[in-house]
Amino acid sequence: IVYARNRLLAALRLTEWKQVEVKDTSFTSPSPI
């Protein structure tokens, strides 16, 4: 998880991260995300 998150942040050119609450985890496809 940590490795994948850092790869996503790098792709999006983000250098900061803070924990966020995710309420909706019912996605059957990644398309809307």
Full PDB file with SEQRES, HELIX, SHEET, SSBOND, CRYST1, ORIGX, SCALE, CONECT and MASTER records, all heavy atoms in Angstrom:
SEQRES   1 A   33  ILE VAL TYR ALA ARG ASN ARG LEU LEU ALA ALA LEU ARG          
SEQRES   2 A   33  LEU THR GLU TRP LYS GLN VAL GLU VAL LYS ASP THR SER          
SEQRES   3 A   33  PHE THR SER PRO SER PRO ILE                                  
HELIX    1 AA1 VAL A    2  ALA A   11  1                                  10    
CRYST1    1.000    1.000    1.000  90.00  90.00  90.00 P 1           1          
ORIGX1      1.000000  0.000000  0.000000        0.00000                         
ORIGX2      0.000000  1.000000  0.000000        0.00000                         
ORIGX3      0.000000  0.000000  1.000000        0.00000                         
SCALE1      1.000000  0.000000  0.000000        0.00000                         
SCALE2      0.000000  1.000000  0.000000        0.00000                         
SCALE3      0.000000  0.000000  1.000000        0.00000                         
ATOM      1  N   ILE A   1       0.823  -1.216   0.000  1.00  0.00           N  
ATOM      2  CA  ILE A   1       0.000   0.000   0.000  1.00  0.00           C  
ATOM      3  C   ILE A   1       0.852   1.259   0.000  1.00  0.00           C  
ATOM      4  O   ILE A   1       0.626   2.177  -0.812  1.00  0.00           O  
ATOM      5  CB  ILE A   1      -0.968  -0.005   1.207  1.00  0.00           C  
ATOM      6  CG1 ILE A   1      -2.104  -0.995   0.963  1.00  0.00           C  
ATOM      7  CG2 ILE A   1      -1.540   1.400   1.446  1.00  0.00           C  
ATOM      8  CD1 ILE A   1      -3.066  -1.136   2.137  1.00  0.00           C  
ATOM      9  N   VAL A   2       1.820   1.355   0.886  1.00  0.00           N  
ATOM     10  CA  VAL A   2       2.640   2.580   0.972  1.00  0.00           C  
ATOM     11  C   VAL A   2       3.402   2.793  -0.335  1.00  0.00           C  
ATOM     12  O   VAL A   2       3.463   3.916  -0.862  1.00  0.00           O  
ATOM     13  CB  VAL A   2       3.603   2.503   2.169  1.00  0.00           C  
ATOM     14  CG1 VAL A   2       4.594   3.672   2.150  1.00  0.00           C  
ATOM     15  CG2 VAL A   2       2.820   2.496   3.475  1.00  0.00           C  
ATOM     16  N   TYR A   3       3.979   1.726  -0.854  1.00  0.00           N  
ATOM     17  CA  TYR A   3       4.731   1.829  -2.109  1.00  0.00           C  
ATOM     18  C   TYR A   3       3.826   2.314  -3.242  1.00  0.00           C  
ATOM     19  O   TYR A   3       4.187   3.230  -3.997  1.00  0.00           O  
ATOM     20  CB  TYR A   3       5.318   0.462  -2.449  1.00  0.00           C  
ATOM     21  CG  TYR A   3       5.973   0.378  -3.804  1.00  0.00           C  
ATOM     22  CD1 TYR A   3       7.237   0.908  -4.026  1.00  0.00           C  
ATOM     23  CD2 TYR A   3       5.320  -0.238  -4.880  1.00  0.00           C  
ATOM     24  CE1 TYR A   3       7.841   0.835  -5.278  1.00  0.00           C  
ATOM     25  CE2 TYR A   3       5.905  -0.313  -6.131  1.00  0.00           C  
ATOM     26  CZ  TYR A   3       7.170   0.223  -6.325  1.00  0.00           C  
ATOM     27  OH  TYR A   3       7.757   0.154  -7.561  1.00  0.00           O  
ATOM     28  N   ALA A   4       2.639   1.711  -3.379  1.00  0.00           N  
ATOM     29  CA  ALA A   4       1.717   2.094  -4.450  1.00  0.00           C  
ATOM     30  C   ALA A   4       1.249   3.531  -4.280  1.00  0.00           C  
ATOM     31  O   ALA A   4       1.146   4.287  -5.255  1.00  0.00           O  
ATOM     32  CB  ALA A   4       0.521   1.138  -4.475  1.00  0.00           C  
ATOM     33  N   ARG A   5       0.966   3.933  -3.023  1.00  0.00           N  
ATOM     34  CA  ARG A   5       0.539   5.319  -2.787  1.00  0.00           C  
ATOM     35  C   ARG A   5       1.618   6.298  -3.219  1.00  0.00           C  
ATOM     36  O   ARG A   5       1.337   7.324  -3.867  1.00  0.00           O  
ATOM     37  CB  ARG A   5       0.210   5.518  -1.308  1.00  0.00           C  
ATOM     38  CG  ARG A   5      -0.262   6.942  -0.987  1.00  0.00           C  
ATOM     39  CD  ARG A   5      -0.399   7.151   0.511  1.00  0.00           C  
ATOM     40  NE  ARG A   5      -1.484   6.339   1.056  1.00  0.00           N  
ATOM     41  CZ  ARG A   5      -1.359   5.561   2.122  1.00  0.00           C  
ATOM     42  NH1 ARG A   5      -0.195   5.470   2.737  1.00  0.00           N  
ATOM     43  NH2 ARG A   5      -2.386   4.883   2.568  1.00  0.00           N  
ATOM     44  N   ASN A   6       2.867   5.998  -2.908  1.00  0.00           N  
ATOM     45  CA  ASN A   6       3.961   6.898  -3.283  1.00  0.00           C  
ATOM     46  C   ASN A   6       4.146   6.956  -4.796  1.00  0.00           C  
ATOM     47  O   ASN A   6       4.497   8.002  -5.352  1.00  0.00           O  
ATOM     48  CB  ASN A   6       5.256   6.471  -2.598  1.00  0.00           C  
ATOM     49  CG  ASN A   6       5.283   6.861  -1.136  1.00  0.00           C  
ATOM     50  OD1 ASN A   6       4.649   7.841  -0.734  1.00  0.00           O  
ATOM     51  ND2 ASN A   6       6.014   6.109  -0.330  1.00  0.00           N  
ATOM     52  N   ARG A   7       3.904   5.867  -5.464  1.00  0.00           N  
ATOM     53  CA  ARG A   7       3.995   5.876  -6.926  1.00  0.00           C  
ATOM     54  C   ARG A   7       2.889   6.742  -7.521  1.00  0.00           C  
ATOM     55  O   ARG A   7       3.108   7.477  -8.498  1.00  0.00           O  
ATOM     56  CB  ARG A   7       3.901   4.452  -7.479  1.00  0.00           C  
ATOM     57  CG  ARG A   7       5.135   3.602  -7.172  1.00  0.00           C  
ATOM     58  CD  ARG A   7       5.105   2.308  -7.942  1.00  0.00           C  
ATOM     59  NE  ARG A   7       5.192   2.567  -9.377  1.00  0.00           N  
ATOM     60  CZ  ARG A   7       4.794   1.716 -10.313  1.00  0.00           C  
ATOM     61  NH1 ARG A   7       4.250   0.571  -9.976  1.00  0.00           N  
ATOM     62  NH2 ARG A   7       4.918   2.016 -11.587  1.00  0.00           N  
ATOM     63  N   LEU A   8       1.682   6.653  -6.955  1.00  0.00           N  
ATOM     64  CA  LEU A   8       0.580   7.486  -7.423  1.00  0.00           C  
ATOM     65  C   LEU A   8       0.866   8.964  -7.169  1.00  0.00           C  
ATOM     66  O   LEU A   8       0.632   9.814  -8.033  1.00  0.00           O  
ATOM     67  CB  LEU A   8      -0.718   7.082  -6.726  1.00  0.00           C  
ATOM     68  CG  LEU A   8      -1.338   5.752  -7.181  1.00  0.00           C  
ATOM     69  CD1 LEU A   8      -2.414   5.298  -6.204  1.00  0.00           C  
ATOM     70  CD2 LEU A   8      -1.918   5.876  -8.593  1.00  0.00           C  
ATOM     71  N   LEU A   9       1.385   9.281  -5.987  1.00  0.00           N  
ATOM     72  CA  LEU A   9       1.722  10.677  -5.672  1.00  0.00           C  
ATOM     73  C   LEU A   9       2.779  11.203  -6.637  1.00  0.00           C  
ATOM     74  O   LEU A   9       2.692  12.346  -7.108  1.00  0.00           O  
ATOM     75  CB  LEU A   9       2.219  10.788  -4.230  1.00  0.00           C  
ATOM     76  CG  LEU A   9       1.203  10.480  -3.124  1.00  0.00           C  
ATOM     77  CD1 LEU A   9       1.879  10.574  -1.758  1.00  0.00           C  
ATOM     78  CD2 LEU A   9       0.017  11.436  -3.194  1.00  0.00           C  
ATOM     79  N   ALA A  10       3.782  10.383  -6.931  1.00  0.00           N  
ATOM     80  CA  ALA A  10       4.840  10.817  -7.850  1.00  0.00           C  
ATOM     81  C   ALA A  10       4.273  11.070  -9.250  1.00  0.00           C  
ATOM     82  O   ALA A  10       4.614  12.061  -9.904  1.00  0.00           O  
ATOM     83  CB  ALA A  10       5.943   9.758  -7.908  1.00  0.00           C  
ATOM     84  N   ALA A  11       3.388  10.179  -9.704  1.00  0.00           N  
ATOM     85  CA  ALA A  11       2.790  10.355 -11.034  1.00  0.00           C  
ATOM     86  C   ALA A  11       1.998  11.649 -11.105  1.00  0.00           C  
ATOM     87  O   ALA A  11       1.987  12.323 -12.145  1.00  0.00           O  
ATOM     88  CB  ALA A  11       1.892   9.159 -11.362  1.00  0.00           C  
ATOM     89  N   LEU A  12       1.356  12.024  -9.987  1.00  0.00           N  
ATOM     90  CA  LEU A  12       0.526  13.232  -9.942  1.00  0.00           C  
ATOM     91  C   LEU A  12       1.304  14.452  -9.457  1.00  0.00           C  
ATOM     92  O   LEU A  12       0.722  15.527  -9.262  1.00  0.00           O  
ATOM     93  CB  LEU A  12      -0.687  12.984  -9.032  1.00  0.00           C  
ATOM     94  CG  LEU A  12      -1.638  11.898  -9.528  1.00  0.00           C  
ATOM     95  CD1 LEU A  12      -2.651  11.528  -8.448  1.00  0.00           C  
ATOM     96  CD2 LEU A  12      -2.344  12.332 -10.806  1.00  0.00           C  
ATOM     97  N   ARG A  13       2.600  14.268  -9.255  1.00  0.00           N  
ATOM     98  CA  ARG A  13       3.506  15.356  -8.832  1.00  0.00           C  
ATOM     99  C   ARG A  13       3.050  15.984  -7.512  1.00  0.00           C  
ATOM    100  O   ARG A  13       3.071  17.205  -7.338  1.00  0.00           O  
ATOM    101  CB  ARG A  13       3.628  16.418  -9.936  1.00  0.00           C  
ATOM    102  CG  ARG A  13       4.190  15.822 -11.230  1.00  0.00           C  
ATOM    103  CD  ARG A  13       4.268  16.839 -12.340  1.00  0.00           C  
ATOM    104  NE  ARG A  13       4.511  16.174 -13.616  1.00  0.00           N  
ATOM    105  CZ  ARG A  13       4.484  16.775 -14.796  1.00  0.00           C  
ATOM    106  NH1 ARG A  13       4.216  18.060 -14.861  1.00  0.00           N  
ATOM    107  NH2 ARG A  13       4.719  16.105 -15.905  1.00  0.00           N  
ATOM    108  N   LEU A  14       2.657  15.126  -6.610  1.00  0.00           N  
ATOM    109  CA  LEU A  14       2.305  15.547  -5.250  1.00  0.00           C  
ATOM    110  C   LEU A  14       3.419  15.114  -4.304  1.00  0.00           C  
ATOM    111  O   LEU A  14       3.902  13.980  -4.383  1.00  0.00           O  
ATOM    112  CB  LEU A  14       0.981  14.899  -4.817  1.00  0.00           C  
ATOM    113  CG  LEU A  14      -0.286  15.379  -5.537  1.00  0.00           C  
ATOM    114  CD1 LEU A  14      -1.454  14.461  -5.211  1.00  0.00           C  
ATOM    115  CD2 LEU A  14      -0.612  16.811  -5.137  1.00  0.00           C  
ATOM    116  N   THR A  15       3.829  16.004  -3.415  1.00  0.00           N  
ATOM    117  CA  THR A  15       4.917  15.681  -2.484  1.00  0.00           C  
ATOM    118  C   THR A  15       4.443  15.554  -1.046  1.00  0.00           C  
ATOM    119  O   THR A  15       5.223  15.181  -0.169  1.00  0.00           O  
ATOM    120  CB  THR A  15       6.019  16.766  -2.550  1.00  0.00           C  
ATOM    121  OG1 THR A  15       5.419  18.035  -2.269  1.00  0.00           O  
ATOM    122  CG2 THR A  15       6.659  16.789  -3.937  1.00  0.00           C  
ATOM    123  N   GLU A  16       3.195  15.904  -0.779  1.00  0.00           N  
ATOM    124  CA  GLU A  16       2.658  15.823   0.579  1.00  0.00           C  
ATOM    125  C   GLU A  16       1.510  14.818   0.631  1.00  0.00           C  
ATOM    126  O   GLU A  16       0.795  14.606  -0.343  1.00  0.00           O  
ATOM    127  CB  GLU A  16       2.143  17.200   1.028  1.00  0.00           C  
ATOM    128  CG  GLU A  16       3.221  18.276   1.094  1.00  0.00           C  
ATOM    129  CD  GLU A  16       4.243  18.013   2.179  1.00  0.00           C  
ATOM    130  OE1 GLU A  16       3.891  17.327   3.180  1.00  0.00           O  
ATOM    131  OE2 GLU A  16       5.391  18.460   2.033  1.00  0.00           O  
ATOM    132  N   TRP A  17       1.332  14.246   1.803  1.00  0.00           N  
ATOM    133  CA  TRP A  17       0.247  13.308   2.011  1.00  0.00           C  
ATOM    134  C   TRP A  17      -0.272  13.451   3.427  1.00  0.00           C  
ATOM    135  O   TRP A  17       0.514  13.632   4.378  1.00  0.00           O  
ATOM    136  CB  TRP A  17       0.716  11.873   1.797  1.00  0.00           C  
ATOM    137  CG  TRP A  17      -0.340  10.857   2.201  1.00  0.00           C  
ATOM    138  CD1 TRP A  17      -0.402  10.134   3.342  1.00  0.00           C  
ATOM    139  CD2 TRP A  17      -1.503  10.524   1.445  1.00  0.00           C  
ATOM    140  NE1 TRP A  17      -1.521   9.339   3.362  1.00  0.00           N  
ATOM    141  CE2 TRP A  17      -2.226   9.559   2.187  1.00  0.00           C  
ATOM    142  CE3 TRP A  17      -2.007  10.937   0.210  1.00  0.00           C  
ATOM    143  CZ2 TRP A  17      -3.421   9.012   1.745  1.00  0.00           C  
ATOM    144  CZ3 TRP A  17      -3.189  10.382  -0.231  1.00  0.00           C  
ATOM    145  CH2 TRP A  17      -3.884   9.435   0.526  1.00  0.00           C  
ATOM    146  N   LYS A  18      -1.549  13.411   3.581  1.00  0.00           N  
ATOM    147  CA  LYS A  18      -2.132  13.346   4.917  1.00  0.00           C  
ATOM    148  C   LYS A  18      -3.266  12.333   4.876  1.00  0.00           C  
ATOM    149  O   LYS A  18      -3.933  12.156   3.858  1.00  0.00           O  
ATOM    150  CB  LYS A  18      -2.651  14.720   5.363  1.00  0.00           C  
ATOM    151  CG  LYS A  18      -3.767  15.302   4.516  1.00  0.00           C  
ATOM    152  CD  LYS A  18      -4.208  16.650   5.071  1.00  0.00           C  
ATOM    153  CE  LYS A  18      -5.349  17.244   4.215  1.00  0.00           C  
ATOM    154  NZ  LYS A  18      -5.796  18.542   4.734  1.00  0.00           N  
ATOM    155  N   GLN A  19      -3.458  11.663   5.994  1.00  0.00           N  
ATOM    156  CA  GLN A  19      -4.473  10.621   6.048  1.00  0.00           C  
ATOM    157  C   GLN A  19      -5.858  11.214   5.851  1.00  0.00           C  
ATOM    158  O   GLN A  19      -6.191  12.251   6.427  1.00  0.00           O  
ATOM    159  CB  GLN A  19      -4.414   9.902   7.403  1.00  0.00           C  
ATOM    160  CG  GLN A  19      -5.195   8.605   7.433  1.00  0.00           C  
ATOM    161  CD  GLN A  19      -4.625   7.549   6.489  1.00  0.00           C  
ATOM    162  OE1 GLN A  19      -3.408   7.382   6.419  1.00  0.00           O  
ATOM    163  NE2 GLN A  19      -5.492   6.883   5.748  1.00  0.00           N  
ATOM    164  N   VAL A  20      -6.648  10.563   5.032  1.00  0.00           N  
ATOM    165  CA  VAL A  20      -8.019  11.014   4.782  1.00  0.00           C  
ATOM    166  C   VAL A  20      -8.976   9.854   5.044  1.00  0.00           C  
ATOM    167  O   VAL A  20      -8.601   8.682   4.940  1.00  0.00           O  
ATOM    168  CB  VAL A  20      -8.201  11.525   3.333  1.00  0.00           C  
ATOM    169  CG1 VAL A  20      -7.402  12.787   3.093  1.00  0.00           C  
ATOM    170  CG2 VAL A  20      -7.814  10.457   2.323  1.00  0.00           C  
ATOM    171  N   GLU A  21     -10.192  10.219   5.402  1.00  0.00           N  
ATOM    172  CA  GLU A  21     -11.203   9.197   5.663  1.00  0.00           C  
ATOM    173  C   GLU A  21     -11.935   8.873   4.358  1.00  0.00           C  
ATOM    174  O   GLU A  21     -12.404   9.779   3.672  1.00  0.00           O  
ATOM    175  CB  GLU A  21     -12.210   9.688   6.701  1.00  0.00           C  
ATOM    176  CG  GLU A  21     -13.255   8.642   7.065  1.00  0.00           C  
ATOM    177  CD  GLU A  21     -14.269   9.158   8.084  1.00  0.00           C  
ATOM    178  OE1 GLU A  21     -14.146  10.335   8.491  1.00  0.00           O  
ATOM    179  OE2 GLU A  21     -15.176   8.387   8.437  1.00  0.00           O  
ATOM    180  N   VAL A  22     -11.999   7.611   4.040  1.00  0.00           N  
ATOM    181  CA  VAL A  22     -12.688   7.160   2.840  1.00  0.00           C  
ATOM    182  C   VAL A  22     -13.950   6.431   3.259  1.00  0.00           C  
ATOM    183  O   VAL A  22     -13.894   5.369   3.880  1.00  0.00           O  
ATOM    184  CB  VAL A  22     -11.791   6.246   1.989  1.00  0.00           C  
ATOM    185  CG1 VAL A  22     -12.553   5.741   0.775  1.00  0.00           C  
ATOM    186  CG2 VAL A  22     -10.542   6.992   1.552  1.00  0.00           C  
ATOM    187  N   LYS A  23     -15.088   7.032   2.933  1.00  0.00           N  
ATOM    188  CA  LYS A  23     -16.371   6.445   3.334  1.00  0.00           C  
ATOM    189  C   LYS A  23     -16.914   5.494   2.276  1.00  0.00           C  
ATOM    190  O   LYS A  23     -17.468   4.451   2.591  1.00  0.00           O  
ATOM    191  CB  LYS A  23     -17.389   7.552   3.621  1.00  0.00           C  
ATOM    192  CG  LYS A  23     -16.996   8.443   4.799  1.00  0.00           C  
ATOM    193  CD  LYS A  23     -18.030   9.532   5.016  1.00  0.00           C  
ATOM    194  CE  LYS A  23     -17.627  10.435   6.178  1.00  0.00           C  
ATOM    195  NZ  LYS A  23     -18.616  11.533   6.383  1.00  0.00           N  
ATOM    196  N   ASP A  24     -16.759   5.871   1.001  1.00  0.00           N  
ATOM    197  CA  ASP A  24     -17.319   5.066  -0.081  1.00  0.00           C  
ATOM    198  C   ASP A  24     -16.247   4.139  -0.636  1.00  0.00           C  
ATOM    199  O   ASP A  24     -15.300   4.582  -1.280  1.00  0.00           O  
ATOM    200  CB  ASP A  24     -17.860   5.969  -1.189  1.00  0.00           C  
ATOM    201  CG  ASP A  24     -18.613   5.167  -2.255  1.00  0.00           C  
ATOM    202  OD1 ASP A  24     -18.680   3.934  -2.125  1.00  0.00           O  
ATOM    203  OD2 ASP A  24     -19.130   5.787  -3.199  1.00  0.00           O  
ATOM    204  N   THR A  25     -16.361   2.851  -0.371  1.00  0.00           N  
ATOM    205  CA  THR A  25     -15.402   1.874  -0.898  1.00  0.00           C  
ATOM    206  C   THR A  25     -16.123   0.785  -1.698  1.00  0.00           C  
ATOM    207  O   THR A  25     -15.641  -0.332  -1.818  1.00  0.00           O  
ATOM    208  CB  THR A  25     -14.615   1.219   0.256  1.00  0.00           C  
ATOM    209  OG1 THR A  25     -15.552   0.558   1.124  1.00  0.00           O  
ATOM    210  CG2 THR A  25     -13.827   2.240   1.049  1.00  0.00           C  
ATOM    211  N   SER A  26     -17.278   1.144  -2.236  1.00  0.00           N  
ATOM    212  CA  SER A  26     -18.110   0.143  -2.912  1.00  0.00           C  
ATOM    213  C   SER A  26     -17.905   0.120  -4.422  1.00  0.00           C  
ATOM    214  O   SER A  26     -18.784  -0.313  -5.155  1.00  0.00           O  
ATOM    215  CB  SER A  26     -19.590   0.416  -2.607  1.00  0.00           C  
ATOM    216  OG  SER A  26     -19.959   1.715  -3.065  1.00  0.00           O  
ATOM    217  N   PHE A  27     -16.786   0.603  -4.899  1.00  0.00           N  
ATOM    218  CA  PHE A  27     -16.566   0.695  -6.344  1.00  0.00           C  
ATOM    219  C   PHE A  27     -16.336  -0.688  -6.954  1.00  0.00           C  
ATOM    220  O   PHE A  27     -15.498  -1.452  -6.484  1.00  0.00           O  
ATOM    221  CB  PHE A  27     -15.368   1.592  -6.645  1.00  0.00           C  
ATOM    222  CG  PHE A  27     -15.582   3.031  -6.262  1.00  0.00           C  
ATOM    223  CD1 PHE A  27     -15.088   3.526  -5.063  1.00  0.00           C  
ATOM    224  CD2 PHE A  27     -16.285   3.883  -7.087  1.00  0.00           C  
ATOM    225  CE1 PHE A  27     -15.286   4.846  -4.710  1.00  0.00           C  
ATOM    226  CE2 PHE A  27     -16.492   5.208  -6.738  1.00  0.00           C  
ATOM    227  CZ  PHE A  27     -15.991   5.686  -5.543  1.00  0.00           C  
ATOM    228  N   THR A  28     -17.086  -0.994  -8.006  1.00  0.00           N  
ATOM    229  CA  THR A  28     -16.878  -2.238  -8.745  1.00  0.00           C  
ATOM    230  C   THR A  28     -15.954  -2.022  -9.940  1.00  0.00           C  
ATOM    231  O   THR A  28     -15.539  -2.976 -10.587  1.00  0.00           O  
ATOM    232  CB  THR A  28     -18.219  -2.813  -9.238  1.00  0.00           C  
ATOM    233  OG1 THR A  28     -18.873  -1.827 -10.047  1.00  0.00           O  
ATOM    234  CG2 THR A  28     -19.116  -3.164  -8.052  1.00  0.00           C  
ATOM    235  N   SER A  29     -15.682  -0.767 -10.237  1.00  0.00           N  
ATOM    236  CA  SER A  29     -14.789  -0.400 -11.334  1.00  0.00           C  
ATOM    237  C   SER A  29     -13.994   0.818 -10.902  1.00  0.00           C  
ATOM    238  O   SER A  29     -14.506   1.675 -10.177  1.00  0.00           O  
ATOM    239  CB  SER A  29     -15.596  -0.071 -12.601  1.00  0.00           C  
ATOM    240  OG  SER A  29     -14.807   0.627 -13.544  1.00  0.00           O  
ATOM    241  N   PRO A  30     -12.741   0.929 -11.333  1.00  0.00           N  
ATOM    242  CA  PRO A  30     -11.958   2.116 -10.979  1.00  0.00           C  
ATOM    243  C   PRO A  30     -12.323   3.352 -11.804  1.00  0.00           C  
ATOM    244  O   PRO A  30     -11.837   4.445 -11.510  1.00  0.00           O  
ATOM    245  CB  PRO A  30     -10.515   1.684 -11.262  1.00  0.00           C  
ATOM    246  CG  PRO A  30     -10.656   0.702 -12.384  1.00  0.00           C  
ATOM    247  CD  PRO A  30     -11.944  -0.035 -12.119  1.00  0.00           C  
ATOM    248  N   SER A  31     -13.164   3.188 -12.817  1.00  0.00           N  
ATOM    249  CA  SER A  31     -13.434   4.292 -13.746  1.00  0.00           C  
ATOM    250  C   SER A  31     -13.898   5.576 -13.075  1.00  0.00           C  
ATOM    251  O   SER A  31     -13.355   6.652 -13.367  1.00  0.00           O  
ATOM    252  CB  SER A  31     -14.449   3.856 -14.803  1.00  0.00           C  
ATOM    253  OG  SER A  31     -13.919   2.844 -15.621  1.00  0.00           O  
ATOM    254  N   PRO A  32     -14.890   5.559 -12.158  1.00  0.00           N  
ATOM    255  CA  PRO A  32     -15.313   6.826 -11.543  1.00  0.00           C  
ATOM    256  C   PRO A  32     -14.217   7.476 -10.700  1.00  0.00           C  
ATOM    257  O   PRO A  32     -14.136   8.703 -10.635  1.00  0.00           O  
ATOM    258  CB  PRO A  32     -16.526   6.428 -10.689  1.00  0.00           C  
ATOM    259  CG  PRO A  32     -16.437   4.960 -10.522  1.00  0.00           C  
ATOM    260  CD  PRO A  32     -15.751   4.434 -11.735  1.00  0.00           C  
ATOM    261  N   ILE A  33     -13.380   6.668 -10.058  1.00  0.00           N  
ATOM    262  CA  ILE A  33     -12.270   7.236  -9.280  1.00  0.00           C  
ATOM    263  C   ILE A  33     -11.261   7.882 -10.223  1.00  0.00           C  
ATOM    264  O   ILE A  33     -10.791   9.004  -9.984  1.00  0.00           O  
ATOM    265  CB  ILE A  33     -11.569   6.145  -8.443  1.00  0.00           C  
ATOM    266  CG1 ILE A  33     -12.575   5.348  -7.614  1.00  0.00           C  
ATOM    267  CG2 ILE A  33     -10.517   6.764  -7.530  1.00  0.00           C  
ATOM    268  CD1 ILE A  33     -11.988   4.116  -6.931  1.00  0.00           C  
TER     269      ILE A  33                                                      
MASTER        0    0    0    1    0    0    0    6  268    1    0    3          
END                                                                             
